[in-house]
N, C-alpha and C. Protein backbone atom coordinates (compact mmCIF):
# COMPACT_ATOMS: atom_id res chain seq x y z
N UNK A 1 168.70 404.00 25.47
CA UNK A 1 168.54 403.25 26.53
C UNK A 1 166.93 402.52 26.62
N UNK A 2 166.51 401.68 27.20
CA UNK A 2 165.48 401.49 26.48
C UNK A 2 164.29 401.68 28.07
N UNK A 3 163.54 401.57 27.96
CA UNK A 3 162.40 402.02 29.32
C UNK A 3 162.63 401.24 30.42
N UNK A 4 163.11 399.93 30.33
CA UNK A 4 163.60 399.46 31.09
C UNK A 4 164.73 399.60 31.79
N UNK A 5 165.41 400.37 31.01
CA UNK A 5 166.85 400.63 31.55
C UNK A 5 167.40 399.43 31.01
N UNK A 6 167.36 398.83 30.30
CA UNK A 6 168.76 398.35 29.54
C UNK A 6 169.16 398.94 28.24
N UNK A 7 169.90 398.52 28.25
CA UNK A 7 170.91 399.10 27.09
C UNK A 7 170.59 398.07 25.81
N UNK A 8 170.26 399.01 24.87
CA UNK A 8 169.16 398.35 23.73
C UNK A 8 170.91 398.96 22.67
N UNK A 9 170.43 398.00 21.23
CA UNK A 9 171.36 397.92 20.21
C UNK A 9 171.67 399.12 19.79
N UNK A 10 171.05 400.11 19.91
CA UNK A 10 171.81 401.44 19.72
C UNK A 10 172.79 401.99 19.93
N UNK A 11 173.51 401.50 21.63
CA UNK A 11 174.48 401.50 22.15
C UNK A 11 175.86 401.05 21.60
N UNK A 12 175.39 400.11 20.69
CA UNK A 12 176.54 399.89 20.00
C UNK A 12 177.38 400.19 19.24
N UNK A 13 177.00 401.38 18.47
CA UNK A 13 177.73 402.35 17.99
C UNK A 13 178.17 403.66 18.86
N UNK A 14 177.95 403.58 19.50
CA UNK A 14 178.24 405.17 20.69
C UNK A 14 179.66 404.52 21.23
N UNK A 15 180.21 405.35 21.33
CA UNK A 15 181.61 405.50 22.10
C UNK A 15 181.78 405.40 23.62
N UNK A 16 182.20 404.49 24.13
CA UNK A 16 182.07 404.51 25.85
C UNK A 16 183.72 405.17 26.11
N UNK A 17 183.51 405.83 27.45
CA UNK A 17 185.20 406.70 27.81
C UNK A 17 185.28 406.24 29.05
N UNK A 18 185.92 406.38 29.87
CA UNK A 18 186.29 406.64 31.42
C UNK A 18 185.70 407.71 31.63
N UNK A 19 185.00 407.86 32.72
CA UNK A 19 184.81 409.06 33.28
C UNK A 19 185.78 410.24 33.62
N UNK A 20 186.34 411.51 33.15
CA UNK A 20 186.91 412.08 33.77
C UNK A 20 186.89 413.00 35.05
N UNK A 21 186.11 412.56 35.49
CA UNK A 21 185.67 413.31 37.15
C UNK A 21 186.77 413.25 38.25
N UNK A 22 187.83 412.41 37.75
CA UNK A 22 188.46 411.30 38.82
C UNK A 22 189.49 410.33 38.51
N UNK A 23 190.42 409.85 39.38
CA UNK A 23 191.42 409.18 39.22
C UNK A 23 190.86 407.64 39.34
N UNK A 24 191.68 406.42 38.60
CA UNK A 24 191.19 405.52 39.50
C UNK A 24 192.39 404.21 39.55
N UNK A 25 192.01 403.96 40.44
CA UNK A 25 193.09 403.36 41.66
C UNK A 25 192.55 401.79 41.66
N UNK A 26 193.76 400.67 41.47
CA UNK A 26 193.27 399.50 41.24
C UNK A 26 194.30 398.54 42.38
N UNK A 27 193.86 397.70 42.78
CA UNK A 27 194.25 396.58 43.67
C UNK A 27 193.62 395.14 43.14
N UNK A 28 194.75 394.05 43.05
CA UNK A 28 194.34 392.91 42.78
C UNK A 28 195.36 391.70 43.71
N UNK A 29 194.90 391.21 44.14
CA UNK A 29 195.70 390.18 44.76
C UNK A 29 195.73 388.97 44.09
N UNK A 30 196.83 388.26 43.96
CA UNK A 30 197.50 387.04 42.95
C UNK A 30 196.13 386.16 42.95
N UNK A 31 195.79 385.61 43.96
CA UNK A 31 194.81 384.68 43.90
C UNK A 31 193.45 384.80 44.04
N UNK A 32 193.01 385.99 43.36
CA UNK A 32 191.87 386.58 43.35
C UNK A 32 191.78 387.12 41.66
N UNK A 33 190.16 386.49 41.38
CA UNK A 33 189.74 387.06 40.15
C UNK A 33 188.74 388.47 39.95
N UNK A 34 189.01 389.05 41.40
CA UNK A 34 188.51 390.34 41.67
C UNK A 34 189.52 391.19 42.24
N UNK A 35 188.93 392.80 41.31
CA UNK A 35 190.02 393.83 41.58
C UNK A 35 189.38 394.55 42.10
N UNK A 36 190.17 395.50 43.12
CA UNK A 36 189.17 396.85 44.29
C UNK A 36 189.85 397.86 43.34
N UNK A 37 188.66 398.56 43.16
CA UNK A 37 188.88 399.87 42.54
C UNK A 37 188.34 401.26 43.50
N UNK A 38 189.54 402.52 43.30
CA UNK A 38 188.86 403.22 43.91
C UNK A 38 188.42 404.22 42.97
N UNK A 39 187.83 405.09 42.67
CA UNK A 39 187.45 406.06 41.75
C UNK A 39 187.34 407.77 42.57
N UNK A 40 188.60 408.38 42.21
CA UNK A 40 188.51 409.30 43.04
C UNK A 40 187.28 410.76 42.77
N UNK A 41 186.61 410.65 41.61
CA UNK A 41 185.56 411.42 41.55
C UNK A 41 184.60 411.16 42.60
N UNK A 42 183.98 409.90 42.49
CA UNK A 42 183.32 410.09 43.67
C UNK A 42 183.44 409.54 45.63
N UNK A 43 184.73 409.04 45.22
CA UNK A 43 185.40 408.80 46.60
C UNK A 43 184.40 407.26 47.20
N UNK A 44 184.43 406.77 46.14
CA UNK A 44 183.62 405.19 46.32
C UNK A 44 184.91 404.32 45.69
N UNK A 45 184.76 403.45 46.32
CA UNK A 45 185.50 401.50 46.23
C UNK A 45 184.68 400.61 45.90
N UNK A 46 185.06 400.25 44.71
CA UNK A 46 184.25 398.42 44.74
C UNK A 46 184.87 397.86 44.46
N UNK A 47 184.03 396.54 44.62
CA UNK A 47 184.89 395.47 44.27
C UNK A 47 184.73 394.79 42.96
N UNK A 48 185.20 394.42 42.26
CA UNK A 48 184.68 394.22 40.64
C UNK A 48 185.24 393.22 40.28
N UNK A 49 184.69 392.32 39.28
CA UNK A 49 185.38 391.48 38.48
C UNK A 49 186.55 391.72 37.90
N UNK A 50 187.33 390.56 37.30
CA UNK A 50 188.61 390.75 36.72
C UNK A 50 187.56 391.51 34.82
N UNK A 51 186.87 390.30 34.69
CA UNK A 51 186.44 391.11 33.50
C UNK A 51 186.15 392.73 33.18
N UNK A 52 185.24 392.91 34.43
CA UNK A 52 184.90 394.33 34.54
C UNK A 52 186.56 395.12 34.55
N UNK A 53 186.80 394.80 35.43
CA UNK A 53 188.68 395.65 35.50
C UNK A 53 189.35 395.61 34.09
N UNK A 54 189.18 394.37 33.35
CA UNK A 54 189.70 394.68 31.71
C UNK A 54 188.54 395.77 31.18
N UNK A 55 187.48 395.33 30.87
CA UNK A 55 186.64 396.60 30.70
C UNK A 55 187.39 397.65 30.54
N UNK A 56 187.12 398.50 31.77
CA UNK A 56 187.52 399.81 32.69
C UNK A 56 188.61 400.02 31.80
N UNK A 57 189.96 399.03 31.81
CA UNK A 57 191.28 399.13 31.62
C UNK A 57 191.77 399.28 29.76
N UNK A 58 190.32 398.86 29.11
CA UNK A 58 190.39 398.88 27.86
C UNK A 58 190.32 400.20 27.13
N UNK A 59 188.99 401.16 28.20
CA UNK A 59 188.83 402.22 27.77
C UNK A 59 189.39 403.59 28.14
N UNK A 60 191.16 402.67 28.32
CA UNK A 60 191.90 403.94 28.91
C UNK A 60 192.57 404.30 27.53
N UNK A 61 193.00 405.65 27.12
CA UNK A 61 193.68 406.35 26.34
C UNK A 61 192.28 407.18 24.94
N UNK A 62 191.44 406.23 25.28
CA UNK A 62 190.33 406.96 24.31
C UNK A 62 188.82 406.18 24.43
N UNK A 63 188.01 406.95 23.67
CA UNK A 63 186.88 406.03 23.64
C UNK A 63 186.58 404.83 23.02
N UNK A 64 185.96 404.15 23.19
CA UNK A 64 185.91 402.76 22.34
C UNK A 64 184.17 402.60 22.36
N UNK A 65 183.64 401.69 21.55
CA UNK A 65 182.63 401.26 21.43
C UNK A 65 182.33 399.66 22.04
N UNK A 66 181.41 399.27 21.95
CA UNK A 66 180.81 398.00 22.55
C UNK A 66 181.82 397.30 21.76
N UNK A 67 181.56 397.12 20.43
CA UNK A 67 182.35 395.97 19.56
C UNK A 67 184.04 396.18 19.78
N UNK A 68 184.14 397.15 19.81
CA UNK A 68 185.52 397.59 19.74
C UNK A 68 186.23 396.78 21.75
N UNK A 69 185.42 397.34 22.31
CA UNK A 69 185.88 396.32 23.80
C UNK A 69 186.01 394.90 23.54
N UNK A 70 184.77 394.24 22.62
CA UNK A 70 185.27 393.33 22.76
C UNK A 70 186.35 392.73 21.70
N UNK A 71 186.78 393.38 20.77
CA UNK A 71 187.95 392.91 20.09
C UNK A 71 189.05 392.89 20.20
N UNK A 72 189.37 394.22 21.13
CA UNK A 72 190.39 394.25 21.47
C UNK A 72 190.61 393.33 22.80
N UNK A 73 189.32 392.99 23.99
CA UNK A 73 189.64 391.87 25.35
C UNK A 73 189.97 390.28 24.42
N UNK A 74 189.31 390.65 23.49
CA UNK A 74 189.16 388.88 22.98
C UNK A 74 190.71 388.62 22.57
N UNK A 75 191.16 389.56 21.87
CA UNK A 75 192.53 389.34 21.15
C UNK A 75 193.89 389.60 22.22
N UNK A 76 193.16 390.07 23.12
CA UNK A 76 194.72 390.53 24.26
C UNK A 76 195.00 389.17 25.14
N UNK A 77 194.93 388.40 24.78
CA UNK A 77 195.14 387.43 25.89
C UNK A 77 195.34 387.59 26.81
N UNK A 78 194.16 388.23 27.64
CA UNK A 78 194.26 388.32 29.31
C UNK A 78 193.10 387.67 29.80
N UNK A 79 192.21 387.09 28.68
CA UNK A 79 191.39 386.09 29.05
C UNK A 79 191.34 384.49 29.03
N UNK A 80 190.88 383.41 29.83
CA UNK A 80 191.19 382.24 29.16
C UNK A 80 190.10 381.92 27.73
N UNK A 81 190.91 380.94 27.09
CA UNK A 81 190.03 380.29 25.77
C UNK A 81 188.50 379.81 26.27
N UNK A 82 188.37 379.35 27.37
CA UNK A 82 186.63 379.03 28.07
C UNK A 82 185.96 380.24 28.17
N UNK A 83 186.71 381.70 28.23
CA UNK A 83 185.69 382.71 28.19
C UNK A 83 185.06 383.29 27.07
N UNK A 84 185.68 382.44 25.98
CA UNK A 84 185.67 383.64 24.75
C UNK A 84 184.46 382.05 24.03
N UNK A 85 184.14 383.11 23.15
CA UNK A 85 183.28 384.38 22.96
C UNK A 85 182.87 385.12 24.14
N UNK A 86 183.07 386.61 23.92
CA UNK A 86 182.18 387.07 24.81
C UNK A 86 181.03 387.35 24.85
N UNK A 87 180.11 386.84 25.23
CA UNK A 87 179.04 387.22 25.15
C UNK A 87 178.72 388.78 25.22
N UNK A 88 177.46 388.99 24.31
CA UNK A 88 177.73 390.48 23.79
C UNK A 88 176.89 391.03 24.87
N UNK A 89 175.80 390.28 26.14
CA UNK A 89 174.96 390.66 26.92
C UNK A 89 176.15 390.73 28.12
N UNK A 90 177.09 390.23 28.41
CA UNK A 90 177.82 390.40 29.72
C UNK A 90 178.88 391.86 29.74
N UNK A 91 179.15 392.36 27.98
CA UNK A 91 179.78 393.33 27.66
C UNK A 91 178.57 394.63 28.49
N UNK A 92 177.41 394.48 27.49
CA UNK A 92 176.03 395.52 27.79
C UNK A 92 176.61 395.72 29.18
N UNK A 93 175.62 394.72 29.93
CA UNK A 93 175.49 394.88 31.19
C UNK A 93 176.53 395.51 31.95
N UNK A 94 177.73 395.13 31.92
CA UNK A 94 179.00 395.85 32.61
C UNK A 94 178.77 396.93 32.42
N UNK A 95 178.81 397.47 31.01
CA UNK A 95 178.90 399.23 30.67
C UNK A 95 177.96 399.88 31.57
N UNK A 96 176.69 399.15 30.96
CA UNK A 96 175.20 399.78 31.67
C UNK A 96 175.85 400.17 32.95
N UNK A 97 176.04 399.17 34.18
CA UNK A 97 176.55 399.17 35.52
C UNK A 97 177.49 400.01 35.72
N UNK A 98 178.85 399.95 34.78
CA UNK A 98 179.75 400.79 35.66
C UNK A 98 179.05 402.45 34.89
N UNK A 99 178.16 402.74 33.87
CA UNK A 99 177.74 403.72 33.88
C UNK A 99 176.84 404.75 34.83
N UNK A 100 176.11 403.56 35.43
CA UNK A 100 175.00 404.29 36.93
C UNK A 100 175.80 404.09 37.85
N UNK A 101 176.95 404.14 38.15
CA UNK A 101 177.71 404.10 39.16
C UNK A 101 178.70 405.15 39.15
N UNK A 102 178.90 405.89 37.89
CA UNK A 102 179.20 407.03 36.94
C UNK A 102 180.55 407.11 36.73
N UNK A 103 181.25 405.74 36.29
CA UNK A 103 182.72 405.23 36.05
C UNK A 103 182.99 405.73 35.11
N UNK A 104 182.15 405.41 33.74
CA UNK A 104 182.16 405.66 32.32
C UNK A 104 180.75 406.39 32.06
N UNK A 105 181.11 407.05 30.94
CA UNK A 105 180.36 407.82 30.18
C UNK A 105 180.46 407.63 28.92
N UNK A 106 179.27 408.25 28.06
CA UNK A 106 179.08 408.20 26.66
C UNK A 106 179.74 409.81 26.13
């Protein structure tokens, strides 16, 4: 991590995983592009973007690098074509934010 707190390019080779300290419970309404997430590890509830949900959901099962997340989400047909390609900065900022919240870990 750089002194400014931003994720630097060395994180591209590191694998991210869901935090093991709790369970993830999701709720989404049909007309919403946001998802409610309750994380039992902290007891906190968050309102996250659909893209944020896709990142976390894609981490289920095994750790993945930012590049693997990009490739898997881009090829999943879960995002509309007008949102592709996914900007690297968008993935990095979400990962950094989720790490600060304790939802994911390196």
